[in-house]
Amino acid sequence: LEEADNRNHPLLERLRFLSISGNNLDEFLMVRVAGLVAQQRAGVE
């Protein structure tokens, strides 16, 4: 996400970095967070 604030990149490339960070976060929630939620529901300590 910090690359979206890097003025050495062209403006539209900075917008692309912002979009990439959003897509990455979606995948993180679908995989990593979902796995932890499943463990919590199963009572895993």
PDB file of all heavy atoms in Angstrom:
ATOM      1  N   LEU A   1       0.822  -1.203   0.000  1.00  0.00           N
ATOM      2  CA  LEU A   1       0.000   0.000   0.000  1.00  0.00           C
ATOM      3  C   LEU A   1       0.862   1.261   0.000  1.00  0.00           C
ATOM      4  O   LEU A   1       0.482   2.276  -0.600  1.00  0.00           O
ATOM      5  CB  LEU A   1      -0.928  -0.006   1.216  1.00  0.00           C
ATOM      6  CG  LEU A   1      -1.853   1.193   1.392  1.00  0.00           C
ATOM      7  CD1 LEU A   1      -2.783   1.338   0.190  1.00  0.00           C
ATOM      8  CD2 LEU A   1      -2.654   1.070   2.676  1.00  0.00           C
ATOM      9  N   GLU A   2       2.011   1.203   0.662  1.00  0.00           N
ATOM     10  CA  GLU A   2       2.887   2.377   0.707  1.00  0.00           C
ATOM     11  C   GLU A   2       3.365   2.790  -0.680  1.00  0.00           C
ATOM     12  O   GLU A   2       3.683   3.959  -0.919  1.00  0.00           O
ATOM     13  CB  GLU A   2       4.085   2.093   1.616  1.00  0.00           C
ATOM     14  CG  GLU A   2       3.715   2.043   3.096  1.00  0.00           C
ATOM     15  CD  GLU A   2       4.885   1.627   3.968  1.00  0.00           C
ATOM     16  OE1 GLU A   2       5.942   1.259   3.387  1.00  0.00           O
ATOM     17  OE2 GLU A   2       4.760   1.661   5.197  1.00  0.00           O
ATOM     18  N   GLU A   3       3.395   1.822  -1.609  1.00  0.00           N
ATOM     19  CA  GLU A   3       3.795   2.157  -2.977  1.00  0.00           C
ATOM     20  C   GLU A   3       2.770   3.065  -3.653  1.00  0.00           C
ATOM     21  O   GLU A   3       3.099   3.767  -4.612  1.00  0.00           O
ATOM     22  CB  GLU A   3       3.980   0.880  -3.796  1.00  0.00           C
ATOM     23  CG  GLU A   3       5.168   0.039  -3.366  1.00  0.00           C
ATOM     24  CD  GLU A   3       6.475   0.805  -3.480  1.00  0.00           C
ATOM     25  OE1 GLU A   3       6.687   1.452  -4.520  1.00  0.00           O
ATOM     26  OE2 GLU A   3       7.269   0.759  -2.530  1.00  0.00           O
ATOM     27  N   ALA A   4       1.527   3.048  -3.157  1.00  0.00           N
ATOM     28  CA  ALA A   4       0.520   3.953  -3.709  1.00  0.00           C
ATOM     29  C   ALA A   4       0.827   5.400  -3.362  1.00  0.00           C
ATOM     30  O   ALA A   4       0.299   6.320  -4.003  1.00  0.00           O
ATOM     31  CB  ALA A   4      -0.870   3.576  -3.187  1.00  0.00           C
ATOM     32  N   ASP A   5       1.665   5.614  -2.360  1.00  0.00           N
ATOM     33  CA  ASP A   5       2.048   6.967  -1.950  1.00  0.00           C
ATOM     34  C   ASP A   5       3.435   7.348  -2.458  1.00  0.00           C
ATOM     35  O   ASP A   5       3.943   8.409  -2.139  1.00  0.00           O
ATOM     36  CB  ASP A   5       2.000   7.067  -0.419  1.00  0.00           C
ATOM     37  CG  ASP A   5       2.003   8.503   0.070  1.00  0.00           C
ATOM     38  OD1 ASP A   5       1.387   9.365  -0.589  1.00  0.00           O
ATOM     39  OD2 ASP A   5       2.639   8.780   1.110  1.00  0.00           O
ATOM     40  N   ASN A   6       4.033   6.455  -3.245  1.00  0.00           N
ATOM     41  CA  ASN A   6       5.377   6.697  -3.779  1.00  0.00           C
ATOM     42  C   ASN A   6       5.267   7.531  -5.057  1.00  0.00           C
ATOM     43  O   ASN A   6       4.846   7.033  -6.101  1.00  0.00           O
ATOM     44  CB  ASN A   6       6.068   5.366  -4.058  1.00  0.00           C
ATOM     45  CG  ASN A   6       7.517   5.533  -4.459  1.00  0.00           C
ATOM     46  OD1 ASN A   6       7.965   6.633  -4.802  1.00  0.00           O
ATOM     47  ND2 ASN A   6       8.259   4.444  -4.433  1.00  0.00           N
ATOM     48  N   ARG A   7       5.643   8.787  -4.973  1.00  0.00           N
ATOM     49  CA  ARG A   7       5.494   9.688  -6.114  1.00  0.00           C
ATOM     50  C   ARG A   7       6.519   9.435  -7.217  1.00  0.00           C
ATOM     51  O   ARG A   7       6.501  10.129  -8.244  1.00  0.00           O
ATOM     52  CB  ARG A   7       5.559  11.142  -5.640  1.00  0.00           C
ATOM     53  CG  ARG A   7       4.415  11.487  -4.696  1.00  0.00           C
ATOM     54  CD  ARG A   7       4.485  12.921  -4.193  1.00  0.00           C
ATOM     55  NE  ARG A   7       3.369  13.203  -3.309  1.00  0.00           N
ATOM     56  CZ  ARG A   7       2.161  13.575  -3.702  1.00  0.00           C
ATOM     57  NH1 ARG A   7       1.923  13.734  -4.993  1.00  0.00           N
ATOM     58  NH2 ARG A   7       1.205  13.802  -2.825  1.00  0.00           N
ATOM     59  N   ASN A   8       7.407   8.488  -7.015  1.00  0.00           N
ATOM     60  CA  ASN A   8       8.318   8.103  -8.097  1.00  0.00           C
ATOM     61  C   ASN A   8       7.607   7.237  -9.137  1.00  0.00           C
ATOM     62  O   ASN A   8       8.114   7.045 -10.234  1.00  0.00           O
ATOM     63  CB  ASN A   8       9.521   7.339  -7.528  1.00  0.00           C
ATOM     64  CG  ASN A   8      10.429   8.227  -6.699  1.00  0.00           C
ATOM     65  OD1 ASN A   8      10.626   9.400  -7.017  1.00  0.00           O
ATOM     66  ND2 ASN A   8      10.981   7.681  -5.623  1.00  0.00           N
ATOM     67  N   HIS A   9       6.434   6.706  -8.775  1.00  0.00           N
ATOM     68  CA  HIS A   9       5.653   5.908  -9.705  1.00  0.00           C
ATOM     69  C   HIS A   9       4.671   6.800 -10.459  1.00  0.00           C
ATOM     70  O   HIS A   9       4.213   7.812  -9.934  1.00  0.00           O
ATOM     71  CB  HIS A   9       4.858   4.829  -8.965  1.00  0.00           C
ATOM     72  CG  HIS A   9       5.701   3.838  -8.237  1.00  0.00           C
ATOM     73  ND1 HIS A   9       6.776   3.207  -8.815  1.00  0.00           N
ATOM     74  CD2 HIS A   9       5.612   3.348  -6.955  1.00  0.00           C
ATOM     75  CE1 HIS A   9       7.327   2.386  -7.937  1.00  0.00           C
ATOM     76  NE2 HIS A   9       6.636   2.457  -6.812  1.00  0.00           N
ATOM     77  N   PRO A  10       4.317   6.433 -11.695  1.00  0.00           N
ATOM     78  CA  PRO A  10       3.253   7.166 -12.399  1.00  0.00           C
ATOM     79  C   PRO A  10       1.953   7.094 -11.609  1.00  0.00           C
ATOM     80  O   PRO A  10       1.714   6.150 -10.842  1.00  0.00           O
ATOM     81  CB  PRO A  10       3.149   6.426 -13.741  1.00  0.00           C
ATOM     82  CG  PRO A  10       4.462   5.742 -13.916  1.00  0.00           C
ATOM     83  CD  PRO A  10       4.930   5.389 -12.537  1.00  0.00           C
ATOM     84  N   LEU A  11       1.112   8.088 -11.821  1.00  0.00           N
ATOM     85  CA  LEU A  11      -0.108   8.216 -11.018  1.00  0.00           C
ATOM     86  C   LEU A  11      -0.999   6.990 -11.127  1.00  0.00           C
ATOM     87  O   LEU A  11      -1.503   6.475 -10.111  1.00  0.00           O
ATOM     88  CB  LEU A  11      -0.874   9.475 -11.453  1.00  0.00           C
ATOM     89  CG  LEU A  11      -2.120   9.841 -10.636  1.00  0.00           C
ATOM     90  CD1 LEU A  11      -1.787   9.962  -9.165  1.00  0.00           C
ATOM     91  CD2 LEU A  11      -2.716  11.148 -11.165  1.00  0.00           C
ATOM     92  N   LEU A  12      -1.223   6.488 -12.341  1.00  0.00           N
ATOM     93  CA  LEU A  12      -2.097   5.330 -12.498  1.00  0.00           C
ATOM     94  C   LEU A  12      -1.473   4.061 -11.934  1.00  0.00           C
ATOM     95  O   LEU A  12      -2.192   3.152 -11.508  1.00  0.00           O
ATOM     96  CB  LEU A  12      -2.468   5.136 -13.970  1.00  0.00           C
ATOM     97  CG  LEU A  12      -3.334   6.234 -14.589  1.00  0.00           C
ATOM     98  CD1 LEU A  12      -3.646   5.924 -16.048  1.00  0.00           C
ATOM     99  CD2 LEU A  12      -4.627   6.418 -13.802  1.00  0.00           C
ATOM    100  N   GLU A  13      -0.139   3.986 -11.920  1.00  0.00           N
ATOM    101  CA  GLU A  13       0.514   2.839 -11.282  1.00  0.00           C
ATOM    102  C   GLU A  13       0.306   2.873  -9.777  1.00  0.00           C
ATOM    103  O   GLU A  13       0.144   1.833  -9.136  1.00  0.00           O
ATOM    104  CB  GLU A  13       2.006   2.833 -11.608  1.00  0.00           C
ATOM    105  CG  GLU A  13       2.337   2.389 -13.013  1.00  0.00           C
ATOM    106  CD  GLU A  13       1.871   0.960 -13.263  1.00  0.00           C
ATOM    107  OE1 GLU A  13       2.143   0.075 -12.431  1.00  0.00           O
ATOM    108  OE2 GLU A  13       1.204   0.732 -14.298  1.00  0.00           O
ATOM    109  N   ARG A  14       0.297   4.063  -9.212  1.00  0.00           N
ATOM    110  CA  ARG A  14       0.029   4.181  -7.778  1.00  0.00           C
ATOM    111  C   ARG A  14      -1.400   3.727  -7.461  1.00  0.00           C
ATOM    112  O   ARG A  14      -1.643   3.086  -6.442  1.00  0.00           O
ATOM    113  CB  ARG A  14       0.248   5.621  -7.325  1.00  0.00           C
ATOM    114  CG  ARG A  14       1.715   6.060  -7.404  1.00  0.00           C
ATOM    115  CD  ARG A  14       1.842   7.558  -7.276  1.00  0.00           C
ATOM    116  NE  ARG A  14       1.248   8.039  -6.047  1.00  0.00           N
ATOM    117  CZ  ARG A  14       0.965   9.326  -5.814  1.00  0.00           C
ATOM    118  NH1 ARG A  14       1.206  10.227  -6.759  1.00  0.00           N
ATOM    119  NH2 ARG A  14       0.446   9.676  -4.661  1.00  0.00           N
ATOM    120  N   LEU A  15      -2.320   4.057  -8.354  1.00  0.00           N
ATOM    121  CA  LEU A  15      -3.691   3.594  -8.180  1.00  0.00           C
ATOM    122  C   LEU A  15      -3.758   2.070  -8.283  1.00  0.00           C
ATOM    123  O   LEU A  15      -4.526   1.412  -7.563  1.00  0.00           O
ATOM    124  CB  LEU A  15      -4.582   4.242  -9.238  1.00  0.00           C
ATOM    125  CG  LEU A  15      -6.089   4.004  -9.106  1.00  0.00           C
ATOM    126  CD1 LEU A  15      -6.618   4.597  -7.813  1.00  0.00           C
ATOM    127  CD2 LEU A  15      -6.829   4.602 -10.303  1.00  0.00           C
ATOM    128  N   ARG A  16      -2.936   1.499  -9.139  1.00  0.00           N
ATOM    129  CA  ARG A  16      -2.896   0.042  -9.288  1.00  0.00           C
ATOM    130  C   ARG A  16      -2.395  -0.611  -7.991  1.00  0.00           C
ATOM    131  O   ARG A  16      -2.915  -1.653  -7.564  1.00  0.00           O
ATOM    132  CB  ARG A  16      -1.999  -0.346 -10.462  1.00  0.00           C
ATOM    133  CG  ARG A  16      -2.002  -1.846 -10.754  1.00  0.00           C
ATOM    134  CD  ARG A  16      -0.970  -2.156 -11.824  1.00  0.00           C
ATOM    135  NE  ARG A  16      -1.269  -1.473 -13.066  1.00  0.00           N
ATOM    136  CZ  ARG A  16      -2.081  -1.963 -13.995  1.00  0.00           C
ATOM    137  NH1 ARG A  16      -2.666  -3.128 -13.818  1.00  0.00           N
ATOM    138  NH2 ARG A  16      -2.285  -1.295 -15.108  1.00  0.00           N
ATOM    139  N   PHE A  17      -1.378  -0.019  -7.366  1.00  0.00           N
ATOM    140  CA  PHE A  17      -0.882  -0.568  -6.107  1.00  0.00           C
ATOM    141  C   PHE A  17      -1.978  -0.543  -5.037  1.00  0.00           C
ATOM    142  O   PHE A  17      -2.092  -1.470  -4.227  1.00  0.00           O
ATOM    143  CB  PHE A  17       0.336   0.222  -5.620  1.00  0.00           C
ATOM    144  CG  PHE A  17       1.629  -0.221  -6.238  1.00  0.00           C
ATOM    145  CD1 PHE A  17       2.338   0.615  -7.082  1.00  0.00           C
ATOM    146  CD2 PHE A  17       2.144  -1.486  -5.964  1.00  0.00           C
ATOM    147  CE1 PHE A  17       3.535   0.205  -7.650  1.00  0.00           C
ATOM    148  CE2 PHE A  17       3.343  -1.905  -6.532  1.00  0.00           C
ATOM    149  CZ  PHE A  17       4.033  -1.052  -7.378  1.00  0.00           C
ATOM    150  N   LEU A  18      -2.779   0.507  -5.017  1.00  0.00           N
ATOM    151  CA  LEU A  18      -3.889   0.575  -4.073  1.00  0.00           C
ATOM    152  C   LEU A  18      -4.871  -0.565  -4.333  1.00  0.00           C
ATOM    153  O   LEU A  18      -5.352  -1.223  -3.399  1.00  0.00           O
ATOM    154  CB  LEU A  18      -4.598   1.927  -4.187  1.00  0.00           C
ATOM    155  CG  LEU A  18      -5.860   2.113  -3.347  1.00  0.00           C
ATOM    156  CD1 LEU A  18      -5.557   1.950  -1.864  1.00  0.00           C
ATOM    157  CD2 LEU A  18      -6.475   3.488  -3.616  1.00  0.00           C
ATOM    158  N   SER A  19      -5.162  -0.810  -5.588  1.00  0.00           N
ATOM    159  CA  SER A  19      -6.066  -1.895  -5.955  1.00  0.00           C
ATOM    160  C   SER A  19      -5.492  -3.254  -5.573  1.00  0.00           C
ATOM    161  O   SER A  19      -6.215  -4.130  -5.078  1.00  0.00           O
ATOM    162  CB  SER A  19      -6.363  -1.847  -7.462  1.00  0.00           C
ATOM    163  OG  SER A  19      -7.170  -2.931  -7.853  1.00  0.00           O
ATOM    164  N   ILE A  20      -4.192  -3.434  -5.775  1.00  0.00           N
ATOM    165  CA  ILE A  20      -3.544  -4.703  -5.421  1.00  0.00           C
ATOM    166  C   ILE A  20      -3.649  -4.955  -3.926  1.00  0.00           C
ATOM    167  O   ILE A  20      -3.914  -6.081  -3.481  1.00  0.00           O
ATOM    168  CB  ILE A  20      -2.074  -4.698  -5.876  1.00  0.00           C
ATOM    169  CG1 ILE A  20      -1.985  -4.722  -7.408  1.00  0.00           C
ATOM    170  CG2 ILE A  20      -1.314  -5.878  -5.288  1.00  0.00           C
ATOM    171  CD1 ILE A  20      -0.582  -4.526  -7.941  1.00  0.00           C
ATOM    172  N   SER A  21      -3.455  -3.916  -3.134  1.00  0.00           N
ATOM    173  CA  SER A  21      -3.552  -4.091  -1.680  1.00  0.00           C
ATOM    174  C   SER A  21      -4.958  -4.515  -1.277  1.00  0.00           C
ATOM    175  O   SER A  21      -5.139  -5.305  -0.343  1.00  0.00           O
ATOM    176  CB  SER A  21      -3.145  -2.803  -0.955  1.00  0.00           C
ATOM    177  OG  SER A  21      -4.158  -1.815  -1.038  1.00  0.00           O
ATOM    178  N   GLY A  22      -5.970  -4.001  -1.979  1.00  0.00           N
ATOM    179  CA  GLY A  22      -7.345  -4.402  -1.693  1.00  0.00           C
ATOM    180  C   GLY A  22      -7.604  -5.852  -2.063  1.00  0.00           C
ATOM    181  O   GLY A  22      -8.231  -6.598  -1.301  1.00  0.00           O
ATOM    182  N   ASN A  23      -7.118  -6.276  -3.234  1.00  0.00           N
ATOM    183  CA  ASN A  23      -7.284  -7.670  -3.647  1.00  0.00           C
ATOM    184  C   ASN A  23      -6.535  -8.617  -2.702  1.00  0.00           C
ATOM    185  O   ASN A  23      -7.034  -9.701  -2.366  1.00  0.00           O
ATOM    186  CB  ASN A  23      -6.773  -7.860  -5.075  1.00  0.00           C
ATOM    187  CG  ASN A  23      -7.664  -7.202  -6.111  1.00  0.00           C
ATOM    188  OD1 ASN A  23      -8.856  -7.011  -5.878  1.00  0.00           O
ATOM    189  ND2 ASN A  23      -7.096  -6.857  -7.249  1.00  0.00           N
ATOM    190  N   ASN A  24      -5.349  -8.215  -2.284  1.00  0.00           N
ATOM    191  CA  ASN A  24      -4.590  -9.026  -1.338  1.00  0.00           C
ATOM    192  C   ASN A  24      -5.355  -9.212  -0.034  1.00  0.00           C
ATOM    193  O   ASN A  24      -5.374 -10.303   0.540  1.00  0.00           O
ATOM    194  CB  ASN A  24      -3.235  -8.370  -1.035  1.00  0.00           C
ATOM    195  CG  ASN A  24      -2.250  -8.470  -2.191  1.00  0.00           C
ATOM    196  OD1 ASN A  24      -2.472  -9.225  -3.142  1.00  0.00           O
ATOM    197  ND2 ASN A  24      -1.180  -7.719  -2.120  1.00  0.00           N
ATOM    198  N   LEU A  25      -5.971  -8.147   0.432  1.00  0.00           N
ATOM    199  CA  LEU A  25      -6.712  -8.225   1.687  1.00  0.00           C
ATOM    200  C   LEU A  25      -7.907  -9.160   1.554  1.00  0.00           C
ATOM    201  O   LEU A  25      -8.226  -9.907   2.490  1.00  0.00           O
ATOM    202  CB  LEU A  25      -7.161  -6.824   2.110  1.00  0.00           C
ATOM    203  CG  LEU A  25      -7.846  -6.724   3.477  1.00  0.00           C
ATOM    204  CD1 LEU A  25      -6.948  -7.278   4.579  1.00  0.00           C
ATOM    205  CD2 LEU A  25      -8.219  -5.273   3.779  1.00  0.00           C
ATOM    206  N   ASP A  26      -8.585  -9.137   0.414  1.00  0.00           N
ATOM    207  CA  ASP A  26      -9.696 -10.059   0.185  1.00  0.00           C
ATOM    208  C   ASP A  26      -9.222 -11.513   0.302  1.00  0.00           C
ATOM    209  O   ASP A  26      -9.861 -12.340   0.967  1.00  0.00           O
ATOM    210  CB  ASP A  26     -10.313  -9.828  -1.191  1.00  0.00           C
ATOM    211  CG  ASP A  26     -11.131  -8.552  -1.266  1.00  0.00           C
ATOM    212  OD1 ASP A  26     -11.484  -8.012  -0.200  1.00  0.00           O
ATOM    213  OD2 ASP A  26     -11.406  -8.087  -2.388  1.00  0.00           O
ATOM    214  N   GLU A  27      -8.114 -11.831  -0.347  1.00  0.00           N
ATOM    215  CA  GLU A  27      -7.593 -13.200  -0.304  1.00  0.00           C
ATOM    216  C   GLU A  27      -7.165 -13.575   1.115  1.00  0.00           C
ATOM    217  O   GLU A  27      -7.365 -14.720   1.551  1.00  0.00           O
ATOM    218  CB  GLU A  27      -6.416 -13.334  -1.269  1.00  0.00           C
ATOM    219  CG  GLU A  27      -6.806 -13.182  -2.740  1.00  0.00           C
ATOM    220  CD  GLU A  27      -5.620 -13.319  -3.664  1.00  0.00           C
ATOM    221  OE1 GLU A  27      -4.505 -13.614  -3.166  1.00  0.00           O
ATOM    222  OE2 GLU A  27      -5.782 -13.133  -4.882  1.00  0.00           O
ATOM    223  N   PHE A  28      -6.599 -12.641   1.834  1.00  0.00           N
ATOM    224  CA  PHE A  28      -6.189 -12.887   3.215  1.00  0.00           C
ATOM    225  C   PHE A  28      -7.389 -13.255   4.078  1.00  0.00           C
ATOM    226  O   PHE A  28      -7.341 -14.197   4.877  1.00  0.00           O
ATOM    227  CB  PHE A  28      -5.502 -11.634   3.760  1.00  0.00           C
ATOM    228  CG  PHE A  28      -5.127 -11.722   5.208  1.00  0.00           C
ATOM    229  CD1 PHE A  28      -4.037 -12.468   5.619  1.00  0.00           C
ATOM    230  CD2 PHE A  28      -5.858 -11.050   6.168  1.00  0.00           C
ATOM    231  CE1 PHE A  28      -3.687 -12.541   6.963  1.00  0.00           C
ATOM    232  CE2 PHE A  28      -5.527 -11.108   7.508  1.00  0.00           C
ATOM    233  CZ  PHE A  28      -4.425 -11.863   7.907  1.00  0.00           C
ATOM    234  N   LEU A  29      -8.491 -12.541   3.907  1.00  0.00           N
ATOM    235  CA  LEU A  29      -9.693 -12.830   4.691  1.00  0.00           C
ATOM    236  C   LEU A  29     -10.307 -14.166   4.285  1.00  0.00           C
ATOM    237  O   LEU A  29     -10.790 -14.922   5.134  1.00  0.00           O
ATOM    238  CB  LEU A  29     -10.715 -11.702   4.502  1.00  0.00           C
ATOM    239  CG  LEU A  29     -10.316 -10.339   5.066  1.00  0.00           C
ATOM    240  CD1 LEU A  29     -11.327  -9.277   4.663  1.00  0.00           C
ATOM    241  CD2 LEU A  29     -10.189 -10.377   6.584  1.00  0.00           C
ATOM    242  N   MET A  30     -10.278 -14.483   2.987  1.00  0.00           N
ATOM    243  CA  MET A  30     -10.889 -15.720   2.507  1.00  0.00           C
ATOM    244  C   MET A  30     -10.109 -16.951   2.949  1.00  0.00           C
ATOM    245  O   MET A  30     -10.700 -18.027   3.121  1.00  0.00           O
ATOM    246  CB  MET A  30     -10.988 -15.706   0.979  1.00  0.00           C
ATOM    247  CG  MET A  30     -12.057 -14.785   0.430  1.00  0.00           C
ATOM    248  SD  MET A  30     -12.332 -15.029  -1.342  1.00  0.00           S
ATOM    249  CE  MET A  30     -10.766 -14.484  -2.020  1.00  0.00           C
ATOM    250  N   VAL A  31      -8.804 -16.823   3.119  1.00  0.00           N
ATOM    251  CA  VAL A  31      -7.970 -17.992   3.402  1.00  0.00           C
ATOM    252  C   VAL A  31      -7.476 -17.989   4.854  1.00  0.00           C
ATOM    253  O   VAL A  31      -7.846 -18.848   5.653  1.00  0.00           O
ATOM    254  CB  VAL A  31      -6.779 -18.055   2.427  1.00  0.00           C
ATOM    255  CG1 VAL A  31      -5.903 -19.263   2.733  1.00  0.00           C
ATOM    256  CG2 VAL A  31      -7.270 -18.109   0.986  1.00  0.00           C
ATOM    257  N   ARG A  32      -6.657 -17.013   5.191  1.00  0.00           N
ATOM    258  CA  ARG A  32      -6.009 -17.021   6.508  1.00  0.00           C
ATOM    259  C   ARG A  32      -7.003 -16.776   7.638  1.00  0.00           C
ATOM    260  O   ARG A  32      -7.040 -17.521   8.613  1.00  0.00           O
ATOM    261  CB  ARG A  32      -4.912 -15.955   6.537  1.00  0.00           C
ATOM    262  CG  ARG A  32      -3.827 -16.104   5.474  1.00  0.00           C
ATOM    263  CD  ARG A  32      -2.625 -16.863   6.015  1.00  0.00           C
ATOM    264  NE  ARG A  32      -1.558 -16.937   5.025  1.00  0.00           N
ATOM    265  CZ  ARG A  32      -0.380 -16.315   5.144  1.00  0.00           C
ATOM    266  NH1 ARG A  32      -0.134 -15.566   6.186  1.00  0.00           N
ATOM    267  NH2 ARG A  32       0.546 -16.472   4.217  1.00  0.00           N
ATOM    268  N   VAL A  33      -7.802 -15.721   7.519  1.00  0.00           N
ATOM    269  CA  VAL A  33      -8.751 -15.401   8.586  1.00  0.00           C
ATOM    270  C   VAL A  33      -9.828 -16.472   8.685  1.00  0.00           C
ATOM    271  O   VAL A  33     -10.233 -16.875   9.782  1.00  0.00           O
ATOM    272  CB  VAL A  33      -9.372 -14.008   8.356  1.00  0.00           C
ATOM    273  CG1 VAL A  33     -10.493 -13.744   9.362  1.00  0.00           C
ATOM    274  CG2 VAL A  33      -8.307 -12.927   8.483  1.00  0.00           C
ATOM    275  N   ALA A  34     -10.295 -16.953   7.533  1.00  0.00           N
ATOM    276  CA  ALA A  34     -11.309 -18.009   7.549  1.00  0.00           C
ATOM    277  C   ALA A  34     -10.800 -19.247   8.275  1.00  0.00           C
ATOM    278  O   ALA A  34     -11.545 -19.904   9.008  1.00  0.00           O
ATOM    279  CB  ALA A  34     -11.721 -18.359   6.120  1.00  0.00           C
ATOM    280  N   GLY A  35      -9.525 -19.568   8.104  1.00  0.00           N
ATOM    281  CA  GLY A  35      -8.952 -20.717   8.800  1.00  0.00           C
ATOM    282  C   GLY A  35      -8.935 -20.526  10.307  1.00  0.00           C
ATOM    283  O   GLY A  35      -9.230 -21.458  11.068  1.00  0.00           O
ATOM    284  N   LEU A  36      -8.593 -19.329  10.754  1.00  0.00           N
ATOM    285  CA  LEU A  36      -8.587 -19.045  12.194  1.00  0.00           C
ATOM    286  C   LEU A  36      -9.998 -19.075  12.773  1.00  0.00           C
ATOM    287  O   LEU A  36     -10.210 -19.549  13.894  1.00  0.00           O
ATOM    288  CB  LEU A  36      -7.935 -17.685  12.449  1.00  0.00           C
ATOM    289  CG  LEU A  36      -6.422 -17.609  12.248  1.00  0.00           C
ATOM    290  CD1 LEU A  36      -5.936 -16.177  12.386  1.00  0.00           C
ATOM    291  CD2 LEU A  36      -5.703 -18.509  13.240  1.00  0.00           C
ATOM    292  N   VAL A  37     -10.964 -18.554  12.013  1.00  0.00           N
ATOM    293  CA  VAL A  37     -12.355 -18.587  12.473  1.00  0.00           C
ATOM    294  C   VAL A  37     -12.818 -20.037  12.632  1.00  0.00           C
ATOM    295  O   VAL A  37     -13.502 -20.382  13.609  1.00  0.00           O
ATOM    296  CB  VAL A  37     -13.266 -17.824  11.493  1.00  0.00           C
ATOM    297  CG1 VAL A  37     -14.733 -18.057  11.831  1.00  0.00           C
ATOM    298  CG2 VAL A  37     -12.958 -16.330  11.536  1.00  0.00           C
ATOM    299  N   ALA A  38     -12.442 -20.891  11.688  1.00  0.00           N
ATOM    300  CA  ALA A  38     -12.813 -22.306  11.777  1.00  0.00           C
ATOM    301  C   ALA A  38     -12.196 -22.959  13.007  1.00  0.00           C
ATOM    302  O   ALA A  38     -12.849 -23.754  13.696  1.00  0.00           O
ATOM    303  CB  ALA A  38     -12.382 -23.040  10.504  1.00  0.00           C
ATOM    304  N   GLN A  39     -10.945 -22.618  13.310  1.00  0.00           N
ATOM    305  CA  GLN A  39     -10.303 -23.157  14.504  1.00  0.00           C
ATOM    306  C   GLN A  39     -11.002 -22.688  15.769  1.00  0.00           C
ATOM    307  O   GLN A  39     -11.230 -23.467  16.703  1.00  0.00           O
ATOM    308  CB  GLN A  39      -8.835 -22.727  14.549  1.00  0.00           C
ATOM    309  CG  GLN A  39      -7.957 -23.342  13.481  1.00  0.00           C
ATOM    310  CD  GLN A  39      -6.521 -22.887  13.594  1.00  0.00           C
ATOM    311  OE1 GLN A  39      -5.985 -22.731  14.690  1.00  0.00           O
ATOM    312  NE2 GLN A  39      -5.880 -22.660  12.449  1.00  0.00           N
ATOM    313  N   GLN A  40     -11.364 -21.412  15.802  1.00  0.00           N
ATOM    314  CA  GLN A  40     -12.034 -20.875  16.976  1.00  0.00           C
ATOM    315  C   GLN A  40     -13.383 -21.552  17.193  1.00  0.00           C
ATOM    316  O   GLN A  40     -13.753 -21.888  18.324  1.00  0.00           O
ATOM    317  CB  GLN A  40     -12.204 -19.363  16.832  1.00  0.00           C
ATOM    318  CG  GLN A  40     -12.723 -18.667  18.083  1.00  0.00           C
ATOM    319  CD  GLN A  40     -12.877 -17.181  17.879  1.00  0.00           C
ATOM    320  OE1 GLN A  40     -13.422 -16.735  16.866  1.00  0.00           O
ATOM    321  NE2 GLN A  40     -12.387 -16.385  18.818  1.00  0.00           N
ATOM    322  N   ARG A  41     -14.128 -21.777  16.128  1.00  0.00           N
ATOM    323  CA  ARG A  41     -15.428 -22.434  16.256  1.00  0.00           C
ATOM    324  C   ARG A  41     -15.291 -23.882  16.702  1.00  0.00           C
ATOM    325  O   ARG A  41     -16.160 -24.412  17.398  1.00  0.00           O
ATOM    326  CB  ARG A  41     -16.170 -22.378  14.919  1.00  0.00           C
ATOM    327  CG  ARG A  41     -16.703 -21.005  14.581  1.00  0.00           C
ATOM    328  CD  ARG A  41     -17.400 -21.040  13.256  1.00  0.00           C
ATOM    329  NE  ARG A  41     -18.001 -19.749  12.943  1.00  0.00           N
ATOM    330  CZ  ARG A  41     -18.506 -19.431  11.770  1.00  0.00           C
ATOM    331  NH1 ARG A  41     -18.493 -20.319  10.795  1.00  0.00           N
ATOM    332  NH2 ARG A  41     -19.041 -18.249  11.556  1.00  0.00           N
ATOM    333  N   ALA A  42     -14.201 -24.514  16.300  1.00  0.00           N
ATOM    334  CA  ALA A  42     -13.971 -25.903  16.692  1.00  0.00           C
ATOM    335  C   ALA A  42     -13.417 -26.019  18.098  1.00  0.00           C
ATOM    336  O   ALA A  42     -13.186 -27.138  18.583  1.00  0.00           O
ATOM    337  CB  ALA A  42     -13.033 -26.573  15.690  1.00  0.00           C
ATOM    338  N   GLY A  43     -13.190 -24.889  18.754  1.00  0.00           N
ATOM    339  CA  GLY A  43     -12.669 -24.914  20.119  1.00  0.00           C
ATOM    340  C   GLY A  43     -11.189 -25.184  20.218  1.00  0.00           C
ATOM    341  O   GLY A  43     -10.691 -25.590  21.276  1.00  0.00           O
ATOM    342  N   VAL A  44     -10.464 -24.963  19.132  1.00  0.00           N
ATOM    343  CA  VAL A  44      -9.019 -25.190  19.144  1.00  0.00           C
ATOM    344  C   VAL A  44      -8.344 -24.109  19.983  1.00  0.00           C
ATOM    345  O   VAL A  44      -8.558 -22.921  19.767  1.00  0.00           O
ATOM    346  CB  VAL A  44      -8.450 -25.180  17.709  1.00  0.00           C
ATOM    347  CG1 VAL A  44      -6.933 -25.310  17.736  1.00  0.00           C
ATOM    348  CG2 VAL A  44      -9.069 -26.298  16.888  1.00  0.00           C
ATOM    349  N   GLU A  45      -7.536 -24.525  20.949  1.00  0.00           N
ATOM    350  CA  GLU A  45      -6.827 -23.586  21.821  1.00  0.00           C
ATOM    351  C   GLU A  45      -5.310 -23.707  21.671  1.00  0.00           C
ATOM    352  O   GLU A  45      -4.566 -23.152  22.481  1.00  0.00           O
ATOM    353  CB  GLU A  45      -7.227 -23.822  23.275  1.00  0.00           C
ATOM    354  CG  GLU A  45      -8.676 -23.482  23.593  1.00  0.00           C
ATOM    355  CD  GLU A  45      -8.975 -21.987  23.433  1.00  0.00           C
ATOM    356  OE1 GLU A  45      -8.037 -21.180  23.591  1.00  0.00           O
ATOM    357  OE2 GLU A  45     -10.135 -21.640  23.132  1.00  0.00           O
TER     358      GLU A  45
END
